[in-house]
Amino acid sequence: MNEIKKYSNGDITIVWKPHVCSHSTKCWKGLVEVFDPFKRPWITPENSTTEKIINQVKQCPSGALSYLINDEER
């Protein structure tokens, strides 16, 4: 079964598909206050702005990260 995890700050929900992740490290090197592989949970969207999160998620090379706003996946 392909697991999907979701993390929300109220305005945005980050969707993570671990089975798709290529572990490029772009997410946490670009926005460590949200993506910290040394913490659990490793994604904490409440630690940054929605705009910064969207910009960082768009840089995910594998497509393992996406986001939802107002029930629309992007």
PDB file of N, CA and C in Angstrom:
ATOM      1  N   MET A   1       0.837  -1.188   0.000  1.00  0.00           N
ATOM      2  CA  MET A   1       0.000   0.000   0.000  1.00  0.00           C
ATOM      3  C   MET A   1       0.877   1.245   0.000  1.00  0.00           C
ATOM      4  N   ASN A   2       0.557   2.196  -0.824  1.00  0.00           N
ATOM      5  CA  ASN A   2       1.324   3.436  -0.907  1.00  0.00           C
ATOM      6  C   ASN A   2       0.770   4.450   0.085  1.00  0.00           C
ATOM      7  N   GLU A   3       1.564   4.741   1.084  1.00  0.00           N
ATOM      8  CA  GLU A   3       1.164   5.642   2.152  1.00  0.00           C
ATOM      9  C   GLU A   3       1.209   7.100   1.684  1.00  0.00           C
ATOM     10  N   ILE A   4       0.240   7.881   2.138  1.00  0.00           N
ATOM     11  CA  ILE A   4       0.207   9.320   1.894  1.00  0.00           C
ATOM     12  C   ILE A   4      -0.004   9.996   3.231  1.00  0.00           C
ATOM     13  N   LYS A   5       0.834  10.993   3.533  1.00  0.00           N
ATOM     14  CA  LYS A   5       0.725  11.720   4.797  1.00  0.00           C
ATOM     15  C   LYS A   5       0.388  13.172   4.509  1.00  0.00           C
ATOM     16  N   LYS A   6      -0.377  13.774   5.426  1.00  0.00           N
ATOM     17  CA  LYS A   6      -0.782  15.167   5.265  1.00  0.00           C
ATOM     18  C   LYS A   6      -0.471  15.944   6.532  1.00  0.00           C
ATOM     19  N   TYR A   7       0.009  17.173   6.327  1.00  0.00           N
ATOM     20  CA  TYR A   7       0.384  18.067   7.427  1.00  0.00           C
ATOM     21  C   TYR A   7      -0.182  19.450   7.125  1.00  0.00           C
ATOM     22  N   SER A   8      -0.921  20.033   8.072  1.00  0.00           N
ATOM     23  CA  SER A   8      -1.610  21.295   7.799  1.00  0.00           C
ATOM     24  C   SER A   8      -1.256  22.389   8.802  1.00  0.00           C
ATOM     25  N   ASN A   9      -1.282  23.629   8.309  1.00  0.00           N
ATOM     26  CA  ASN A   9      -1.152  24.792   9.189  1.00  0.00           C
ATOM     27  C   ASN A   9      -2.469  25.564   9.250  1.00  0.00           C
ATOM     28  N   GLY A  10      -3.521  25.014   8.688  1.00  0.00           N
ATOM     29  CA  GLY A  10      -4.818  25.668   8.645  1.00  0.00           C
ATOM     30  C   GLY A  10      -5.104  26.300   7.297  1.00  0.00           C
ATOM     31  N   ASP A  11      -4.111  26.935   6.688  1.00  0.00           N
ATOM     32  CA  ASP A  11      -4.265  27.569   5.378  1.00  0.00           C
ATOM     33  C   ASP A  11      -3.887  26.632   4.241  1.00  0.00           C
ATOM     34  N   ILE A  12      -2.935  25.779   4.507  1.00  0.00           N
ATOM     35  CA  ILE A  12      -2.384  24.900   3.479  1.00  0.00           C
ATOM     36  C   ILE A  12      -2.149  23.525   4.090  1.00  0.00           C
ATOM     37  N   THR A  13      -2.300  22.505   3.274  1.00  0.00           N
ATOM     38  CA  THR A  13      -1.973  21.146   3.698  1.00  0.00           C
ATOM     39  C   THR A  13      -0.886  20.617   2.780  1.00  0.00           C
ATOM     40  N   ILE A  14       0.213  20.201   3.377  1.00  0.00           N
ATOM     41  CA  ILE A  14       1.303  19.586   2.623  1.00  0.00           C
ATOM     42  C   ILE A  14       1.002  18.100   2.518  1.00  0.00           C
ATOM     43  N   VAL A  15       1.059  17.585   1.307  1.00  0.00           N
ATOM     44  CA  VAL A  15       0.837  16.166   1.047  1.00  0.00           C
ATOM     45  C   VAL A  15       2.187  15.546   0.716  1.00  0.00           C
ATOM     46  N   TRP A  16       2.550  14.481   1.455  1.00  0.00           N
ATOM     47  CA  TRP A  16       3.829  13.806   1.238  1.00  0.00           C
ATOM     48  C   TRP A  16       3.585  12.345   0.894  1.00  0.00           C
ATOM     49  N   LYS A  17       4.173  11.920  -0.214  1.00  0.00           N
ATOM     50  CA  LYS A  17       4.095  10.530  -0.665  1.00  0.00           C
ATOM     51  C   LYS A  17       5.481   9.915  -0.492  1.00  0.00           C
ATOM     52  N   PRO A  18       5.730   9.274   0.655  1.00  0.00           N
ATOM     53  CA  PRO A  18       7.077   8.739   0.923  1.00  0.00           C
ATOM     54  C   PRO A  18       7.582   7.762  -0.126  1.00  0.00           C
ATOM     55  N   HIS A  19       6.692   6.993  -0.737  1.00  0.00           N
ATOM     56  CA  HIS A  19       7.096   6.006  -1.736  1.00  0.00           C
ATOM     57  C   HIS A  19       7.583   6.647  -3.035  1.00  0.00           C
ATOM     58  N   VAL A  20       7.309   7.936  -3.222  1.00  0.00           N
ATOM     59  CA  VAL A  20       7.732   8.663  -4.417  1.00  0.00           C
ATOM     60  C   VAL A  20       9.014   9.463  -4.158  1.00  0.00           C
ATOM     61  N   CYS A  21       9.276   9.747  -2.897  1.00  0.00           N
ATOM     62  CA  CYS A  21      10.390  10.626  -2.511  1.00  0.00           C
ATOM     63  C   CYS A  21      11.749  10.101  -2.991  1.00  0.00           C
ATOM     64  N   SER A  22      12.517  10.999  -3.627  1.00  0.00           N
ATOM     65  CA  SER A  22      13.852  10.642  -4.110  1.00  0.00           C
ATOM     66  C   SER A  22      14.944  11.087  -3.132  1.00  0.00           C
ATOM     67  N   HIS A  23      14.556  11.680  -2.019  1.00  0.00           N
ATOM     68  CA  HIS A  23      15.485  12.123  -0.969  1.00  0.00           C
ATOM     69  C   HIS A  23      16.561  13.062  -1.513  1.00  0.00           C
ATOM     70  N   SER A  24      16.111  14.021  -2.317  1.00  0.00           N
ATOM     71  CA  SER A  24      17.039  14.985  -2.915  1.00  0.00           C
ATOM     72  C   SER A  24      17.556  15.998  -1.890  1.00  0.00           C
ATOM     73  N   THR A  25      16.885  16.139  -0.774  1.00  0.00           N
ATOM     74  CA  THR A  25      17.181  17.074   0.327  1.00  0.00           C
ATOM     75  C   THR A  25      16.834  18.522   0.004  1.00  0.00           C
ATOM     76  N   LYS A  26      16.254  18.780  -1.175  1.00  0.00           N
ATOM     77  CA  LYS A  26      15.909  20.161  -1.537  1.00  0.00           C
ATOM     78  C   LYS A  26      14.902  20.764  -0.571  1.00  0.00           C
ATOM     79  N   CYS A  27      13.952  19.982  -0.092  1.00  0.00           N
ATOM     80  CA  CYS A  27      12.911  20.525   0.778  1.00  0.00           C
ATOM     81  C   CYS A  27      13.516  21.072   2.063  1.00  0.00           C
ATOM     82  N   TRP A  28      14.280  20.255   2.763  1.00  0.00           N
ATOM     83  CA  TRP A  28      14.772  20.731   4.053  1.00  0.00           C
ATOM     84  C   TRP A  28      15.960  21.672   3.931  1.00  0.00           C
ATOM     85  N   LYS A  29      16.730  21.572   2.900  1.00  0.00           N
ATOM     86  CA  LYS A  29      17.813  22.541   2.724  1.00  0.00           C
ATOM     87  C   LYS A  29      17.276  23.911   2.333  1.00  0.00           C
ATOM     88  N   GLY A  30      16.075  23.945   1.744  1.00  0.00           N
ATOM     89  CA  GLY A  30      15.474  25.208   1.339  1.00  0.00           C
ATOM     90  C   GLY A  30      14.559  25.822   2.378  1.00  0.00           C
ATOM     91  N   LEU A  31      13.998  24.986   3.277  1.00  0.00           N
ATOM     92  CA  LEU A  31      13.047  25.496   4.264  1.00  0.00           C
ATOM     93  C   LEU A  31      13.073  24.590   5.495  1.00  0.00           C
ATOM     94  N   VAL A  32      14.182  24.614   6.208  1.00  0.00           N
ATOM     95  CA  VAL A  32      14.398  23.705   7.337  1.00  0.00           C
ATOM     96  C   VAL A  32      13.422  23.957   8.488  1.00  0.00           C
ATOM     97  N   GLU A  33      12.839  25.153   8.568  1.00  0.00           N
ATOM     98  CA  GLU A  33      11.876  25.390   9.638  1.00  0.00           C
ATOM     99  C   GLU A  33      10.582  24.603   9.438  1.00  0.00           C
ATOM    100  N   VAL A  34      10.345  24.122   8.236  1.00  0.00           N
ATOM    101  CA  VAL A  34       9.171  23.290   7.946  1.00  0.00           C
ATOM    102  C   VAL A  34       9.563  21.831   7.723  1.00  0.00           C
ATOM    103  N   PHE A  35      10.623  21.603   6.982  1.00  0.00           N
ATOM    104  CA  PHE A  35      11.053  20.247   6.624  1.00  0.00           C
ATOM    105  C   PHE A  35      12.343  19.912   7.364  1.00  0.00           C
ATOM    106  N   ASP A  36      12.233  19.133   8.437  1.00  0.00           N
ATOM    107  CA  ASP A  36      13.404  18.775   9.245  1.00  0.00           C
ATOM    108  C   ASP A  36      13.425  17.264   9.445  1.00  0.00           C
ATOM    109  N   PRO A  37      14.257  16.548   8.684  1.00  0.00           N
ATOM    110  CA  PRO A  37      14.262  15.093   8.748  1.00  0.00           C
ATOM    111  C   PRO A  37      14.750  14.531  10.082  1.00  0.00           C
ATOM    112  N   PHE A  38      15.257  15.384  10.947  1.00  0.00           N
ATOM    113  CA  PHE A  38      15.751  14.929  12.242  1.00  0.00           C
ATOM    114  C   PHE A  38      14.706  15.065  13.347  1.00  0.00           C
ATOM    115  N   LYS A  39      13.509  15.542  13.006  1.00  0.00           N
ATOM    116  CA  LYS A  39      12.417  15.695  13.974  1.00  0.00           C
ATOM    117  C   LYS A  39      11.238  14.824  13.568  1.00  0.00           C
ATOM    118  N   ARG A  40      10.372  14.552  14.508  1.00  0.00           N
ATOM    119  CA  ARG A  40       9.129  13.837  14.244  1.00  0.00           C
ATOM    120  C   ARG A  40       7.986  14.632  14.837  1.00  0.00           C
ATOM    121  N   PRO A  41       6.966  15.008  14.071  1.00  0.00           N
ATOM    122  CA  PRO A  41       6.907  14.786  12.635  1.00  0.00           C
ATOM    123  C   PRO A  41       7.947  15.642  11.920  1.00  0.00           C
ATOM    124  N   TRP A  42       8.370  15.195  10.790  1.00  0.00           N
ATOM    125  CA  TRP A  42       9.447  15.909  10.078  1.00  0.00           C
ATOM    126  C   TRP A  42       8.931  17.102   9.287  1.00  0.00           C
ATOM    127  N   ILE A  43       7.614  17.185   9.077  1.00  0.00           N
ATOM    128  CA  ILE A  43       7.005  18.322   8.381  1.00  0.00           C
ATOM    129  C   ILE A  43       6.142  19.093   9.376  1.00  0.00           C
ATOM    130  N   THR A  44       6.473  20.379   9.584  1.00  0.00           N
ATOM    131  CA  THR A  44       5.734  21.230  10.520  1.00  0.00           C
ATOM    132  C   THR A  44       5.379  22.542   9.819  1.00  0.00           C
ATOM    133  N   PRO A  45       4.284  22.561   9.059  1.00  0.00           N
ATOM    134  CA  PRO A  45       3.923  23.732   8.271  1.00  0.00           C
ATOM    135  C   PRO A  45       3.571  24.962   9.106  1.00  0.00           C
ATOM    136  N   GLU A  46       3.258  24.781  10.368  1.00  0.00           N
ATOM    137  CA  GLU A  46       2.942  25.919  11.222  1.00  0.00           C
ATOM    138  C   GLU A  46       4.157  26.805  11.498  1.00  0.00           C
ATOM    139  N   ASN A  47       5.330  26.364  11.098  1.00  0.00           N
ATOM    140  CA  ASN A  47       6.564  27.112  11.363  1.00  0.00           C
ATOM    141  C   ASN A  47       6.963  28.087  10.258  1.00  0.00           C
ATOM    142  N   SER A  48       6.113  28.252   9.231  1.00  0.00           N
ATOM    143  CA  SER A  48       6.448  29.184   8.154  1.00  0.00           C
ATOM    144  C   SER A  48       5.172  29.713   7.512  1.00  0.00           C
ATOM    145  N   THR A  49       5.367  30.561   6.512  1.00  0.00           N
ATOM    146  CA  THR A  49       4.219  31.138   5.808  1.00  0.00           C
ATOM    147  C   THR A  49       3.771  30.216   4.679  1.00  0.00           C
ATOM    148  N   THR A  50       2.521  30.346   4.320  1.00  0.00           N
ATOM    149  CA  THR A  50       1.970  29.561   3.220  1.00  0.00           C
ATOM    150  C   THR A  50       2.728  29.829   1.927  1.00  0.00           C
ATOM    151  N   GLU A  51       3.058  31.082   1.670  1.00  0.00           N
ATOM    152  CA  GLU A  51       3.792  31.439   0.448  1.00  0.00           C
ATOM    153  C   GLU A  51       5.147  30.742   0.372  1.00  0.00           C
ATOM    154  N   LYS A  52       5.891  30.736   1.463  1.00  0.00           N
ATOM    155  CA  LYS A  52       7.208  30.069   1.471  1.00  0.00           C
ATOM    156  C   LYS A  52       7.061  28.567   1.276  1.00  0.00           C
ATOM    157  N   ILE A  53       6.040  27.996   1.892  1.00  0.00           N
ATOM    158  CA  ILE A  53       5.815  26.556   1.753  1.00  0.00           C
ATOM    159  C   ILE A  53       5.496  26.206   0.303  1.00  0.00           C
ATOM    160  N   ILE A  54       4.607  26.960  -0.310  1.00  0.00           N
ATOM    161  CA  ILE A  54       4.256  26.705  -1.714  1.00  0.00           C
ATOM    162  C   ILE A  54       5.494  26.785  -2.599  1.00  0.00           C
ATOM    163  N   ASN A  55       6.292  27.824  -2.426  1.00  0.00           N
ATOM    164  CA  ASN A  55       7.504  27.983  -3.233  1.00  0.00           C
ATOM    165  C   ASN A  55       8.458  26.810  -3.051  1.00  0.00           C
ATOM    166  N   GLN A  56       8.582  26.303  -1.828  1.00  0.00           N
ATOM    167  CA  GLN A  56       9.501  25.190  -1.579  1.00  0.00           C
ATOM    168  C   GLN A  56       8.946  23.883  -2.121  1.00  0.00           C
ATOM    169  N   VAL A  57       7.671  23.624  -1.916  1.00  0.00           N
ATOM    170  CA  VAL A  57       7.056  22.389  -2.408  1.00  0.00           C
ATOM    171  C   VAL A  57       7.169  22.293  -3.930  1.00  0.00           C
ATOM    172  N   LYS A  58       7.041  23.408  -4.612  1.00  0.00           N
ATOM    173  CA  LYS A  58       7.152  23.424  -6.075  1.00  0.00           C
ATOM    174  C   LYS A  58       8.544  23.003  -6.562  1.00  0.00           C
ATOM    175  N   GLN A  59       9.538  23.034  -5.692  1.00  0.00           N
ATOM    176  CA  GLN A  59      10.902  22.648  -6.072  1.00  0.00           C
ATOM    177  C   GLN A  59      11.174  21.157  -5.890  1.00  0.00           C
ATOM    178  N   CYS A  60      10.208  20.420  -5.388  1.00  0.00           N
ATOM    179  CA  CYS A  60      10.400  18.985  -5.173  1.00  0.00           C
ATOM    180  C   CYS A  60      10.571  18.282  -6.524  1.00  0.00           C
ATOM    181  N   PRO A  61      11.738  17.686  -6.777  1.00  0.00           N
ATOM    182  CA  PRO A  61      12.004  17.094  -8.096  1.00  0.00           C
ATOM    183  C   PRO A  61      11.247  15.799  -8.370  1.00  0.00           C
ATOM    184  N   SER A  62      10.853  15.084  -7.332  1.00  0.00           N
ATOM    185  CA  SER A  62      10.210  13.784  -7.537  1.00  0.00           C
ATOM    186  C   SER A  62       8.684  13.862  -7.579  1.00  0.00           C
ATOM    187  N   GLY A  63       8.126  14.971  -7.092  1.00  0.00           N
ATOM    188  CA  GLY A  63       6.673  15.069  -6.989  1.00  0.00           C
ATOM    189  C   GLY A  63       6.130  14.434  -5.725  1.00  0.00           C
ATOM    190  N   ALA A  64       7.001  14.066  -4.804  1.00  0.00           N
ATOM    191  CA  ALA A  64       6.564  13.464  -3.541  1.00  0.00           C
ATOM    192  C   ALA A  64       5.832  14.469  -2.659  1.00  0.00           C
ATOM    193  N   LEU A  65       6.135  15.752  -2.839  1.00  0.00           N
ATOM    194  CA  LEU A  65       5.466  16.806  -2.087  1.00  0.00           C
ATOM    195  C   LEU A  65       4.503  17.556  -2.989  1.00  0.00           C
ATOM    196  N   SER A  66       3.321  17.800  -2.472  1.00  0.00           N
ATOM    197  CA  SER A  66       2.340  18.655  -3.138  1.00  0.00           C
ATOM    198  C   SER A  66       1.595  19.386  -2.032  1.00  0.00           C
ATOM    199  N   TYR A  67       0.633  20.206  -2.406  1.00  0.00           N
ATOM    200  CA  TYR A  67      -0.114  20.931  -1.381  1.00  0.00           C
ATOM    201  C   TYR A  67      -1.562  21.106  -1.788  1.00  0.00           C
ATOM    202  N   LEU A  68      -2.391  21.342  -0.783  1.00  0.00           N
ATOM    203  CA  LEU A  68      -3.817  21.573  -0.982  1.00  0.00           C
ATOM    204  C   LEU A  68      -4.180  22.925  -0.387  1.00  0.00           C
ATOM    205  N   ILE A  69      -4.960  23.707  -1.119  1.00  0.00           N
ATOM    206  CA  ILE A  69      -5.542  24.949  -0.623  1.00  0.00           C
ATOM    207  C   ILE A  69      -7.003  24.931  -1.038  1.00  0.00           C
ATOM    208  N   ASN A  70      -7.913  25.185  -0.094  1.00  0.00           N
ATOM    209  CA  ASN A  70      -9.342  25.209  -0.404  1.00  0.00           C
ATOM    210  C   ASN A  70      -9.790  23.961  -1.176  1.00  0.00           C
ATOM    211  N   ASP A  71      -9.284  22.825  -0.752  1.00  0.00           N
ATOM    212  CA  ASP A  71      -9.651  21.544  -1.351  1.00  0.00           C
ATOM    213  C   ASP A  71      -9.220  21.389  -2.803  1.00  0.00           C
ATOM    214  N   GLU A  72      -8.221  22.140  -3.240  1.00  0.00           N
ATOM    215  CA  GLU A  72      -7.677  21.991  -4.591  1.00  0.00           C
ATOM    216  C   GLU A  72      -6.239  21.530  -4.505  1.00  0.00           C
ATOM    217  N   GLU A  73      -5.916  20.402  -5.113  1.00  0.00           N
ATOM    218  CA  GLU A  73      -4.546  19.938  -5.121  1.00  0.00           C
ATOM    219  C   GLU A  73      -3.773  20.643  -6.217  1.00  0.00           C
ATOM    220  N   ARG A  74      -2.535  21.025  -5.902  1.00  0.00           N
ATOM    221  CA  ARG A  74      -1.687  21.742  -6.857  1.00  0.00           C
ATOM    222  C   ARG A  74      -0.392  21.007  -7.034  1.00  0.00           C
TER     223      ARG A  74
END
